[in-house]
Amino acid sequence: MRIGMRLAAVITVMNVLAATDLSAQFQPAGSLGALAPANLAKPRPKPPFDLTGTWLHGGGANNGFRFSPPEGFKLTPEAQKHYDAAQKAQAEGKVYRDDIGQCWPAGLPVIMTRVWPIAMIQLPTAIYMVSEFMNSFRVVYLDGRPHTNPDIVVPSFNGESIGRWEGDTLVIDTKYFVPDHHWIDSGIPGSDALHIVERMKLTNQGQTLEIEYTLTDPKSWVGDWKMTKRWRRVDDRDIAEVSCLPDLNQHMPTTQSKDNVR
């Protein structure tokens, strides 16, 4: 009887601690969520532009979908092992660790340039992004909150994004990524030290979204990698519910066969 009572007490304490930790992951105690009416109603300067709409990576010259490393790049020894293995697999007509084909999330930055559109809804406090590719979800907070304390943050594939306005540019700082099954390009892993800064601008009378990327990851490569990508507004598109189911991918040679080097 006493053992049962003690066990119940322990479970209660653990539940309280878990609930406390869960609330702390997102914002400090007493602060407002991004969708709280009181937060939305706070006076703020008018933003230079509104990203609300559906966007599709444009492709074309100097706008490839891959986040390939720059010329003369240098990898860390551990990352170099992955890169060499990927190069060997490609030379043999195979793929290296096709985790996306296994339904692992693409993660940032790769999720931004898939051949599927991204729906964006901009509010005064946050920008909500949903990709049609696996319905990947991302939030860019604009309400002035800092990054979460690293001791309590929960890493994710898209990281934690905090945005701020600098003139006519939206600057987004993203960190706190998962260290496994997260790839920047073929054979180039993203670690928990990955840090991404995006500088967003609208051009072409609001029809083109341009993002300048700066990627750093001292556990995978040396220095900063910079690249610029462009998206076009597609007003004739909505996004649909899309799920990645492993059993539906089994017919693909890259997912289950020897052509997928694990």
C-alpha atoms as a PDB file:
ATOM      1  CA  MET A   1       0.000   0.000   0.000  1.00  0.00           C
ATOM      2  CA  ARG A   2       2.784   2.400   1.009  1.00  0.00           C
ATOM      3  CA  ILE A   3       4.741   1.479  -2.140  1.00  0.00           C
ATOM      4  CA  GLY A   4       1.721   2.259  -4.279  1.00  0.00           C
ATOM      5  CA  MET A   5       1.242   5.621  -2.548  1.00  0.00           C
ATOM      6  CA  ARG A   6       4.914   6.495  -2.963  1.00  0.00           C
ATOM      7  CA  LEU A   7       4.810   5.518  -6.645  1.00  0.00           C
ATOM      8  CA  ALA A   8       1.741   7.690  -7.176  1.00  0.00           C
ATOM      9  CA  ALA A   9       3.483  10.604  -5.481  1.00  0.00           C
ATOM     10  CA  VAL A  10       6.576  10.190  -7.640  1.00  0.00           C
ATOM     11  CA  ILE A  11       4.462  10.089 -10.796  1.00  0.00           C
ATOM     12  CA  THR A  12       2.629  13.244  -9.722  1.00  0.00           C
ATOM     13  CA  VAL A  13       5.905  15.090  -9.116  1.00  0.00           C
ATOM     14  CA  MET A  14       7.271  13.921 -12.464  1.00  0.00           C
ATOM     15  CA  ASN A  15       4.125  15.120 -14.247  1.00  0.00           C
ATOM     16  CA  VAL A  16       4.393  18.530 -12.577  1.00  0.00           C
ATOM     17  CA  LEU A  17       8.054  18.826 -13.531  1.00  0.00           C
ATOM     18  CA  ALA A  18       7.325  17.735 -17.096  1.00  0.00           C
ATOM     19  CA  ALA A  19       4.556  20.313 -17.426  1.00  0.00           C
ATOM     20  CA  THR A  20       6.845  23.004 -16.009  1.00  0.00           C
ATOM     21  CA  ASP A  21       9.641  22.100 -18.409  1.00  0.00           C
ATOM     22  CA  LEU A  22       7.240  21.986 -21.349  1.00  0.00           C
ATOM     23  CA  SER A  23       5.976  25.505 -20.693  1.00  0.00           C
ATOM     24  CA  ALA A  24       9.513  26.782 -20.258  1.00  0.00           C
ATOM     25  CA  GLN A  25      10.559  25.493 -23.668  1.00  0.00           C
ATOM     26  CA  PHE A  26       8.577  28.108 -25.479  1.00  0.00           C
ATOM     27  CA  GLN A  27       8.714  31.372 -23.533  1.00  0.00           C
ATOM     28  CA  PRO A  28       9.437  32.562 -20.001  1.00  0.00           C
ATOM     29  CA  ALA A  29       6.716  32.298 -17.381  1.00  0.00           C
ATOM     30  CA  GLY A  30       4.240  35.150 -17.631  1.00  0.00           C
ATOM     31  CA  SER A  31       5.025  36.041 -21.242  1.00  0.00           C
ATOM     32  CA  LEU A  32       2.445  35.926 -24.034  1.00  0.00           C
ATOM     33  CA  GLY A  33       2.204  33.437 -26.862  1.00  0.00           C
ATOM     34  CA  ALA A  34       2.438  34.675 -30.435  1.00  0.00           C
ATOM     35  CA  LEU A  35      -1.319  34.253 -30.961  1.00  0.00           C
ATOM     36  CA  ALA A  36      -2.418  35.807 -27.694  1.00  0.00           C
ATOM     37  CA  PRO A  37      -4.791  38.697 -28.510  1.00  0.00           C
ATOM     38  CA  ALA A  38      -2.944  40.984 -26.085  1.00  0.00           C
ATOM     39  CA  ASN A  39       0.333  40.267 -27.870  1.00  0.00           C
ATOM     40  CA  LEU A  40      -1.159  40.766 -31.328  1.00  0.00           C
ATOM     41  CA  ALA A  41      -2.673  44.092 -30.198  1.00  0.00           C
ATOM     42  CA  LYS A  42       0.610  45.614 -28.989  1.00  0.00           C
ATOM     43  CA  PRO A  43       1.644  48.716 -30.944  1.00  0.00           C
ATOM     44  CA  ARG A  44       4.436  47.969 -33.432  1.00  0.00           C
ATOM     45  CA  PRO A  45       5.880  49.752 -36.482  1.00  0.00           C
ATOM     46  CA  LYS A  46       4.342  48.740 -39.776  1.00  0.00           C
ATOM     47  CA  PRO A  47       6.504  46.042 -41.390  1.00  0.00           C
ATOM     48  CA  PRO A  48       8.161  46.854 -44.748  1.00  0.00           C
ATOM     49  CA  PHE A  49       6.385  43.932 -46.429  1.00  0.00           C
ATOM     50  CA  ASP A  50       3.959  41.081 -45.866  1.00  0.00           C
ATOM     51  CA  LEU A  51       4.924  37.519 -46.820  1.00  0.00           C
ATOM     52  CA  THR A  52       1.374  36.193 -46.587  1.00  0.00           C
ATOM     53  CA  GLY A  53       0.787  34.026 -49.635  1.00  0.00           C
ATOM     54  CA  THR A  54       2.032  30.890 -51.356  1.00  0.00           C
ATOM     55  CA  TRP A  55       5.640  30.724 -52.532  1.00  0.00           C
ATOM     56  CA  LEU A  56       7.485  28.295 -54.802  1.00  0.00           C
ATOM     57  CA  HIS A  57      11.232  28.061 -55.231  1.00  0.00           C
ATOM     58  CA  GLY A  58      11.904  29.515 -58.655  1.00  0.00           C
ATOM     59  CA  GLY A  59      14.814  27.438 -59.937  1.00  0.00           C
ATOM     60  CA  GLY A  60      16.733  28.712 -62.945  1.00  0.00           C
ATOM     61  CA  ALA A  61      20.255  30.068 -63.320  1.00  0.00           C
ATOM     62  CA  ASN A  62      22.174  30.545 -60.061  1.00  0.00           C
ATOM     63  CA  ASN A  63      19.111  29.406 -58.139  1.00  0.00           C
ATOM     64  CA  GLY A  64      19.467  25.672 -57.710  1.00  0.00           C
ATOM     65  CA  PHE A  65      17.489  23.817 -55.100  1.00  0.00           C
ATOM     66  CA  ARG A  66      20.582  22.332 -53.437  1.00  0.00           C
ATOM     67  CA  PHE A  67      22.609  24.021 -50.705  1.00  0.00           C
ATOM     68  CA  SER A  68      25.889  22.874 -52.192  1.00  0.00           C
ATOM     69  CA  PRO A  69      29.127  23.929 -50.481  1.00  0.00           C
ATOM     70  CA  PRO A  70      31.056  26.860 -51.947  1.00  0.00           C
ATOM     71  CA  GLU A  71      34.239  26.484 -53.941  1.00  0.00           C
ATOM     72  CA  GLY A  72      37.251  25.706 -51.780  1.00  0.00           C
ATOM     73  CA  PHE A  73      35.176  24.513 -48.820  1.00  0.00           C
ATOM     74  CA  LYS A  74      36.828  22.637 -45.954  1.00  0.00           C
ATOM     75  CA  LEU A  75      35.031  20.060 -43.849  1.00  0.00           C
ATOM     76  CA  THR A  76      35.815  18.770 -40.389  1.00  0.00           C
ATOM     77  CA  PRO A  77      37.305  15.242 -40.294  1.00  0.00           C
ATOM     78  CA  GLU A  78      34.010  13.647 -39.220  1.00  0.00           C
ATOM     79  CA  ALA A  79      31.978  15.437 -41.887  1.00  0.00           C
ATOM     80  CA  GLN A  80      34.634  14.612 -44.483  1.00  0.00           C
ATOM     81  CA  LYS A  81      34.004  10.902 -43.894  1.00  0.00           C
ATOM     82  CA  HIS A  82      30.338  11.362 -44.805  1.00  0.00           C
ATOM     83  CA  TYR A  83      31.189  13.508 -47.821  1.00  0.00           C
ATOM     84  CA  ASP A  84      33.710  10.985 -49.182  1.00  0.00           C
ATOM     85  CA  ALA A  85      31.232   8.136 -48.714  1.00  0.00           C
ATOM     86  CA  ALA A  86      28.555  10.139 -50.554  1.00  0.00           C
ATOM     87  CA  GLN A  87      30.912  10.885 -53.445  1.00  0.00           C
ATOM     88  CA  LYS A  88      31.798   7.190 -53.707  1.00  0.00           C
ATOM     89  CA  ALA A  89      28.116   6.195 -53.712  1.00  0.00           C
ATOM     90  CA  GLN A  90      27.261   8.726 -56.415  1.00  0.00           C
ATOM     91  CA  ALA A  91      30.147   7.517 -58.573  1.00  0.00           C
ATOM     92  CA  GLU A  92      28.608   4.039 -58.357  1.00  0.00           C
ATOM     93  CA  GLY A  93      25.153   5.328 -59.334  1.00  0.00           C
ATOM     94  CA  LYS A  94      23.829   5.089 -55.792  1.00  0.00           C
ATOM     95  CA  VAL A  95      22.607   7.559 -53.169  1.00  0.00           C
ATOM     96  CA  TYR A  96      23.984   8.130 -49.689  1.00  0.00           C
ATOM     97  CA  ARG A  97      21.706   8.024 -46.681  1.00  0.00           C
ATOM     98  CA  ASP A  98      18.502   9.107 -48.373  1.00  0.00           C
ATOM     99  CA  ASP A  99      16.797   9.901 -45.081  1.00  0.00           C
ATOM    100  CA  ILE A 100      14.094  12.002 -46.733  1.00  0.00           C
ATOM    101  CA  GLY A 101      13.102   8.907 -48.716  1.00  0.00           C
ATOM    102  CA  GLN A 102      12.722   7.150 -45.363  1.00  0.00           C
ATOM    103  CA  CYS A 103      10.303   9.894 -44.274  1.00  0.00           C
ATOM    104  CA  TRP A 104      12.713  11.756 -42.026  1.00  0.00           C
ATOM    105  CA  PRO A 105      11.987  15.516 -42.153  1.00  0.00           C
ATOM    106  CA  ALA A 106      14.048  17.483 -44.670  1.00  0.00           C
ATOM    107  CA  GLY A 107      14.837  20.175 -42.107  1.00  0.00           C
ATOM    108  CA  LEU A 108      16.083  23.704 -42.620  1.00  0.00           C
ATOM    109  CA  PRO A 109      17.444  24.909 -44.997  1.00  0.00           C
ATOM    110  CA  VAL A 110      16.581  22.061 -47.411  1.00  0.00           C
ATOM    111  CA  ILE A 111      12.825  22.237 -46.731  1.00  0.00           C
ATOM    112  CA  MET A 112      12.700  25.747 -48.201  1.00  0.00           C
ATOM    113  CA  THR A 113      13.697  24.720 -51.751  1.00  0.00           C
ATOM    114  CA  ARG A 114      11.703  21.549 -52.363  1.00  0.00           C
ATOM    115  CA  VAL A 115       9.592  21.423 -55.538  1.00  0.00           C
ATOM    116  CA  TRP A 116       6.503  21.868 -53.350  1.00  0.00           C
ATOM    117  CA  PRO A 117       5.041  25.295 -52.478  1.00  0.00           C
ATOM    118  CA  ILE A 118       5.167  26.883 -49.036  1.00  0.00           C
ATOM    119  CA  ALA A 119       2.179  28.713 -47.532  1.00  0.00           C
ATOM    120  CA  MET A 120       3.122  31.684 -45.338  1.00  0.00           C
ATOM    121  CA  ILE A 121       0.881  33.661 -43.002  1.00  0.00           C
ATOM    122  CA  GLN A 122       2.414  36.815 -41.531  1.00  0.00           C
ATOM    123  CA  LEU A 123       1.064  38.273 -38.306  1.00  0.00           C
ATOM    124  CA  PRO A 124       2.507  41.103 -36.187  1.00  0.00           C
ATOM    125  CA  THR A 125       4.025  38.559 -33.807  1.00  0.00           C
ATOM    126  CA  ALA A 126       5.078  35.671 -36.052  1.00  0.00           C
ATOM    127  CA  ILE A 127       5.242  34.222 -39.530  1.00  0.00           C
ATOM    128  CA  TYR A 128       3.780  30.748 -39.882  1.00  0.00           C
ATOM    129  CA  MET A 129       5.114  28.598 -42.733  1.00  0.00           C
ATOM    130  CA  VAL A 130       3.721  25.247 -43.873  1.00  0.00           C
ATOM    131  CA  SER A 131       5.422  23.416 -46.714  1.00  0.00           C
ATOM    132  CA  GLU A 132       3.365  21.076 -48.847  1.00  0.00           C
ATOM    133  CA  PHE A 133       6.342  18.727 -48.627  1.00  0.00           C
ATOM    134  CA  MET A 134       5.405  16.488 -45.659  1.00  0.00           C
ATOM    135  CA  ASN A 135       3.475  19.536 -44.323  1.00  0.00           C
ATOM    136  CA  SER A 136       6.647  20.627 -42.536  1.00  0.00           C
ATOM    137  CA  PHE A 137       5.860  23.410 -40.056  1.00  0.00           C
ATOM    138  CA  ARG A 138       8.010  26.411 -39.191  1.00  0.00           C
ATOM    139  CA  VAL A 139       7.445  29.535 -37.069  1.00  0.00           C
ATOM    140  CA  VAL A 140       9.471  32.749 -37.241  1.00  0.00           C
ATOM    141  CA  TYR A 141       8.815  34.778 -34.096  1.00  0.00           C
ATOM    142  CA  LEU A 142       8.630  38.574 -34.515  1.00  0.00           C
ATOM    143  CA  ASP A 143       7.432  39.633 -31.067  1.00  0.00           C
ATOM    144  CA  GLY A 144      10.837  40.482 -29.653  1.00  0.00           C
ATOM    145  CA  ARG A 145      11.404  37.292 -27.690  1.00  0.00           C
ATOM    146  CA  PRO A 146      14.990  36.006 -27.362  1.00  0.00           C
ATOM    147  CA  HIS A 147      16.130  32.515 -28.227  1.00  0.00           C
ATOM    148  CA  THR A 148      15.123  29.902 -25.681  1.00  0.00           C
ATOM    149  CA  ASN A 149      17.580  29.022 -22.932  1.00  0.00           C
ATOM    150  CA  PRO A 150      19.777  26.246 -24.406  1.00  0.00           C
ATOM    151  CA  ASP A 151      19.423  24.231 -21.196  1.00  0.00           C
ATOM    152  CA  ILE A 152      15.706  23.701 -21.755  1.00  0.00           C
ATOM    153  CA  VAL A 153      15.202  24.070 -25.501  1.00  0.00           C
ATOM    154  CA  VAL A 154      13.961  21.109 -27.531  1.00  0.00           C
ATOM    155  CA  PRO A 155      15.996  20.829 -30.764  1.00  0.00           C
ATOM    156  CA  SER A 156      14.125  20.262 -34.013  1.00  0.00           C
ATOM    157  CA  PHE A 157      14.713  19.796 -37.724  1.00  0.00           C
ATOM    158  CA  ASN A 158      13.684  23.376 -38.542  1.00  0.00           C
ATOM    159  CA  GLY A 159      15.263  24.886 -35.437  1.00  0.00           C
ATOM    160  CA  GLU A 160      14.062  27.924 -33.505  1.00  0.00           C
ATOM    161  CA  SER A 161      13.704  31.035 -35.692  1.00  0.00           C
ATOM    162  CA  ILE A 162      13.737  34.576 -34.277  1.00  0.00           C
ATOM    163  CA  GLY A 163      13.157  37.443 -36.724  1.00  0.00           C
ATOM    164  CA  ARG A 164      13.808  41.178 -36.638  1.00  0.00           C
ATOM    165  CA  TRP A 165      13.484  44.024 -39.138  1.00  0.00           C
ATOM    166  CA  GLU A 166      16.529  45.872 -40.421  1.00  0.00           C
ATOM    167  CA  GLY A 167      15.273  48.547 -42.807  1.00  0.00           C
ATOM    168  CA  ASP A 168      13.554  46.786 -45.714  1.00  0.00           C
ATOM    169  CA  THR A 169      15.057  43.421 -44.786  1.00  0.00           C
ATOM    170  CA  LEU A 170      13.737  40.682 -42.495  1.00  0.00           C
ATOM    171  CA  VAL A 171      16.665  39.039 -40.702  1.00  0.00           C
ATOM    172  CA  ILE A 172      15.962  35.582 -39.288  1.00  0.00           C
ATOM    173  CA  ASP A 173      18.323  33.900 -36.845  1.00  0.00           C
ATOM    174  CA  THR A 174      17.820  30.138 -36.482  1.00  0.00           C
ATOM    175  CA  LYS A 175      19.562  27.623 -34.254  1.00  0.00           C
ATOM    176  CA  TYR A 176      18.867  24.613 -32.003  1.00  0.00           C
ATOM    177  CA  PHE A 177      18.809  21.862 -34.634  1.00  0.00           C
ATOM    178  CA  VAL A 178      18.747  18.100 -34.183  1.00  0.00           C
ATOM    179  CA  PRO A 179      22.151  16.477 -34.829  1.00  0.00           C
ATOM    180  CA  ASP A 180      20.959  13.281 -36.556  1.00  0.00           C
ATOM    181  CA  HIS A 181      19.335  12.529 -39.936  1.00  0.00           C
ATOM    182  CA  HIS A 182      19.704  16.214 -40.846  1.00  0.00           C
ATOM    183  CA  TRP A 183      21.614  16.937 -44.050  1.00  0.00           C
ATOM    184  CA  ILE A 184      22.600  20.232 -45.665  1.00  0.00           C
ATOM    185  CA  ASP A 185      23.539  18.529 -48.951  1.00  0.00           C
ATOM    186  CA  SER A 186      24.475  15.028 -50.014  1.00  0.00           C
ATOM    187  CA  GLY A 187      27.041  13.748 -47.522  1.00  0.00           C
ATOM    188  CA  ILE A 188      27.199  17.018 -45.558  1.00  0.00           C
ATOM    189  CA  PRO A 189      25.606  16.662 -42.117  1.00  0.00           C
ATOM    190  CA  GLY A 190      24.105  19.428 -40.054  1.00  0.00           C
ATOM    191  CA  SER A 191      24.962  19.206 -36.362  1.00  0.00           C
ATOM    192  CA  ASP A 192      23.523  20.689 -33.187  1.00  0.00           C
ATOM    193  CA  ALA A 193      25.959  23.590 -33.728  1.00  0.00           C
ATOM    194  CA  LEU A 194      24.327  24.581 -37.042  1.00  0.00           C
ATOM    195  CA  HIS A 195      23.437  28.276 -37.187  1.00  0.00           C
ATOM    196  CA  ILE A 196      21.497  29.803 -40.090  1.00  0.00           C
ATOM    197  CA  VAL A 197      20.908  33.493 -40.779  1.00  0.00           C
ATOM    198  CA  GLU A 198      18.448  34.438 -43.516  1.00  0.00           C
ATOM    199  CA  ARG A 199      18.109  37.956 -44.931  1.00  0.00           C
ATOM    200  CA  MET A 200      14.754  38.198 -46.722  1.00  0.00           C
ATOM    201  CA  LYS A 201      13.671  40.837 -49.215  1.00  0.00           C
ATOM    202  CA  LEU A 202      10.762  41.212 -51.614  1.00  0.00           C
ATOM    203  CA  THR A 203      11.589  42.373 -55.147  1.00  0.00           C
ATOM    204  CA  ASN A 204       9.818  42.555 -58.496  1.00  0.00           C
ATOM    205  CA  GLN A 205       6.859  44.473 -57.011  1.00  0.00           C
ATOM    206  CA  GLY A 206       6.383  41.850 -54.328  1.00  0.00           C
ATOM    207  CA  GLN A 207       6.334  38.896 -56.707  1.00  0.00           C
ATOM    208  CA  THR A 208       9.806  37.571 -55.876  1.00  0.00           C
ATOM    209  CA  LEU A 209      11.162  36.572 -52.486  1.00  0.00           C
ATOM    210  CA  GLU A 210      14.953  36.656 -52.218  1.00  0.00           C
ATOM    211  CA  ILE A 211      16.769  35.061 -49.304  1.00  0.00           C
ATOM    212  CA  GLU A 212      20.475  35.434 -48.645  1.00  0.00           C
ATOM    213  CA  TYR A 213      21.720  32.552 -46.510  1.00  0.00           C
ATOM    214  CA  THR A 214      24.691  32.427 -44.173  1.00  0.00           C
ATOM    215  CA  LEU A 215      25.320  28.940 -42.807  1.00  0.00           C
ATOM    216  CA  THR A 216      27.837  28.121 -40.084  1.00  0.00           C
ATOM    217  CA  ASP A 217      28.467  24.786 -38.405  1.00  0.00           C
ATOM    218  CA  PRO A 218      31.871  24.414 -36.695  1.00  0.00           C
ATOM    219  CA  LYS A 219      31.239  20.695 -36.177  1.00  0.00           C
ATOM    220  CA  SER A 220      30.851  20.093 -39.922  1.00  0.00           C
ATOM    221  CA  TRP A 221      32.778  22.784 -41.839  1.00  0.00           C
ATOM    222  CA  VAL A 222      35.133  25.720 -41.495  1.00  0.00           C
ATOM    223  CA  GLY A 223      33.893  29.310 -41.847  1.00  0.00           C
ATOM    224  CA  ASP A 224      30.643  30.678 -43.305  1.00  0.00           C
ATOM    225  CA  TRP A 225      28.815  29.382 -46.372  1.00  0.00           C
ATOM    226  CA  LYS A 226      26.828  32.052 -48.216  1.00  0.00           C
ATOM    227  CA  MET A 227      24.270  31.587 -51.001  1.00  0.00           C
ATOM    228  CA  THR A 228      21.164  33.341 -52.310  1.00  0.00           C
ATOM    229  CA  LYS A 229      17.887  31.684 -53.347  1.00  0.00           C
ATOM    230  CA  ARG A 230      14.736  33.090 -54.948  1.00  0.00           C
ATOM    231  CA  TRP A 231      11.037  32.170 -54.794  1.00  0.00           C
ATOM    232  CA  ARG A 232       8.096  33.345 -56.862  1.00  0.00           C
ATOM    233  CA  ARG A 233       4.641  34.132 -55.573  1.00  0.00           C
ATOM    234  CA  VAL A 234       2.081  31.615 -56.884  1.00  0.00           C
ATOM    235  CA  ASP A 235      -1.391  33.010 -56.327  1.00  0.00           C
ATOM    236  CA  ASP A 236      -3.017  30.118 -58.183  1.00  0.00           C
ATOM    237  CA  ARG A 237      -1.801  27.498 -55.714  1.00  0.00           C
ATOM    238  CA  ASP A 238      -2.910  26.222 -52.334  1.00  0.00           C
ATOM    239  CA  ILE A 239      -1.156  23.527 -50.348  1.00  0.00           C
ATOM    240  CA  ALA A 240      -2.717  20.164 -49.564  1.00  0.00           C
ATOM    241  CA  GLU A 241      -2.333  17.680 -46.738  1.00  0.00           C
ATOM    242  CA  VAL A 242       0.618  15.457 -47.599  1.00  0.00           C
ATOM    243  CA  SER A 243       2.022  12.623 -45.511  1.00  0.00           C
ATOM    244  CA  CYS A 244       5.163  10.572 -46.059  1.00  0.00           C
ATOM    245  CA  LEU A 245       4.374   6.896 -45.519  1.00  0.00           C
ATOM    246  CA  PRO A 246       7.293   4.452 -45.699  1.00  0.00           C
ATOM    247  CA  ASP A 247       5.209   1.654 -47.218  1.00  0.00           C
ATOM    248  CA  LEU A 248       4.307   3.887 -50.171  1.00  0.00           C
ATOM    249  CA  ASN A 249       7.997   4.618 -50.766  1.00  0.00           C
ATOM    250  CA  GLN A 250       9.117   1.006 -50.892  1.00  0.00           C
ATOM    251  CA  HIS A 251       8.882   0.888 -54.702  1.00  0.00           C
ATOM    252  CA  MET A 252      11.547   3.596 -54.949  1.00  0.00           C
ATOM    253  CA  PRO A 253      15.035   2.167 -55.603  1.00  0.00           C
ATOM    254  CA  THR A 254      16.671   4.671 -53.256  1.00  0.00           C
ATOM    255  CA  THR A 255      14.704   3.734 -50.170  1.00  0.00           C
ATOM    256  CA  GLN A 256      15.029  -0.004 -49.625  1.00  0.00           C
ATOM    257  CA  SER A 257      17.500  -1.366 -52.152  1.00  0.00           C
ATOM    258  CA  LYS A 258      21.269  -1.725 -52.073  1.00  0.00           C
ATOM    259  CA  ASP A 259      21.390   1.527 -54.072  1.00  0.00           C
ATOM    260  CA  ASN A 260      20.744   3.411 -50.819  1.00  0.00           C
ATOM    261  CA  VAL A 261      24.069   3.412 -48.984  1.00  0.00           C
ATOM    262  CA  ARG A 262      23.388   3.587 -45.259  1.00  0.00           C
END
